[in-house]
Amino acid sequence: MKQDKQWHMLTVVGADRPAIVAKLTEALFRGGCNLGEASMARLGGNFSIMLMVEGADAAALEQLLRPVTDALGLRLLRLGSLV
């Protein structure tokens, strides 16, 4: 029986700096996750990214991303599940 994929919407914000996207997506890739869609914006010196991610539950996603967001001084705002 085929199971529906569990998608999560992640929002990360903070001061803009080089390599944010590379480090976030590398952590997700190493965790076996797939990206659906992404939206990024740079406003002044700030950066925000919204990602649709599949392949891990909310707790695992936070565990994958927390070291990256902490190291870069970013805030992980939302881990919402979508079906």
Protein backbone atom coordinates (compact mmCIF):
# COMPACT_ATOMS: atom_id res chain seq x y z
CA MET A 1 0.00 0.00 0.00
CA LYS A 2 1.38 3.40 -1.00
CA GLN A 3 1.61 5.96 1.80
CA ASP A 4 1.10 9.67 1.23
CA LYS A 5 4.21 11.76 1.70
CA GLN A 6 4.35 13.95 4.77
CA TRP A 7 5.42 17.48 3.83
CA HIS A 8 6.57 20.12 6.30
CA MET A 9 6.76 23.84 5.76
CA LEU A 10 9.84 25.39 7.38
CA THR A 11 10.50 29.09 7.85
CA VAL A 12 13.97 30.34 8.76
CA VAL A 13 14.88 34.02 9.25
CA GLY A 14 17.88 36.03 10.34
CA ALA A 15 20.65 38.35 9.27
CA ASP A 16 21.77 37.81 5.69
CA ARG A 17 25.17 36.18 5.26
CA PRO A 18 26.92 33.93 2.74
CA ALA A 19 26.11 30.20 2.61
CA ILE A 20 22.75 30.15 4.44
CA VAL A 21 20.99 28.25 1.67
CA ALA A 22 23.94 25.92 1.10
CA LYS A 23 24.24 24.97 4.77
CA LEU A 24 20.50 24.49 5.33
CA THR A 25 20.02 22.36 2.22
CA GLU A 26 23.18 20.34 2.92
CA ALA A 27 21.85 19.45 6.39
CA LEU A 28 18.52 18.41 4.87
CA PHE A 29 20.24 16.39 2.13
CA ARG A 30 22.44 14.57 4.66
CA GLY A 31 19.29 13.79 6.64
CA GLY A 32 17.69 12.13 3.60
CA CYS A 33 15.12 14.85 2.98
CA ASN A 34 13.68 16.07 -0.30
CA LEU A 35 12.84 19.67 -1.14
CA GLY A 36 9.59 20.53 -2.85
CA GLU A 37 9.41 24.28 -3.23
CA ALA A 38 11.36 27.17 -1.75
CA SER A 39 10.87 30.90 -1.49
CA MET A 40 13.61 33.26 -0.39
CA ALA A 41 13.72 36.98 0.24
CA ARG A 42 16.41 39.46 1.19
CA LEU A 43 15.08 42.60 2.85
CA GLY A 44 17.71 45.08 3.89
CA GLY A 45 20.24 43.06 5.82
CA ASN A 46 17.76 40.31 6.65
CA PHE A 47 17.09 36.99 4.95
CA SER A 48 14.11 34.66 5.06
CA ILE A 49 13.49 31.29 3.48
CA MET A 50 10.41 29.09 3.37
CA LEU A 51 10.94 25.47 2.38
CA MET A 52 8.64 22.54 1.69
CA VAL A 53 10.49 19.47 2.98
CA GLU A 54 9.64 15.76 2.88
CA GLY A 55 11.45 12.79 4.36
CA ALA A 56 11.54 13.31 8.13
CA ASP A 57 9.13 14.11 10.92
CA ALA A 58 9.06 17.53 12.61
CA ALA A 59 11.31 16.47 15.51
CA ALA A 60 13.92 15.00 13.16
CA LEU A 61 13.85 18.12 10.98
CA GLU A 62 14.46 20.33 13.97
CA GLN A 63 17.32 18.08 15.06
CA LEU A 64 18.86 18.30 11.58
CA LEU A 65 18.54 22.07 11.29
CA ARG A 66 19.11 23.31 14.84
CA PRO A 67 22.95 23.07 14.66
CA VAL A 68 22.93 25.08 11.42
CA THR A 69 20.49 27.73 12.60
CA ASP A 70 22.33 28.12 15.90
CA ALA A 71 25.73 28.41 14.19
CA LEU A 72 24.42 31.05 11.76
CA GLY A 73 22.34 32.97 14.29
CA LEU A 74 19.08 32.15 12.50
CA ARG A 75 15.61 31.49 13.91
CA LEU A 76 13.63 28.41 12.91
CA LEU A 77 10.10 29.79 13.17
CA ARG A 78 7.72 27.08 12.08
CA LEU A 79 7.57 23.37 11.50
CA GLY A 80 4.10 22.89 10.05
CA SER A 81 2.92 19.53 8.66
CA LEU A 82 1.01 19.39 5.40
CA VAL A 83 -0.44 16.38 3.61
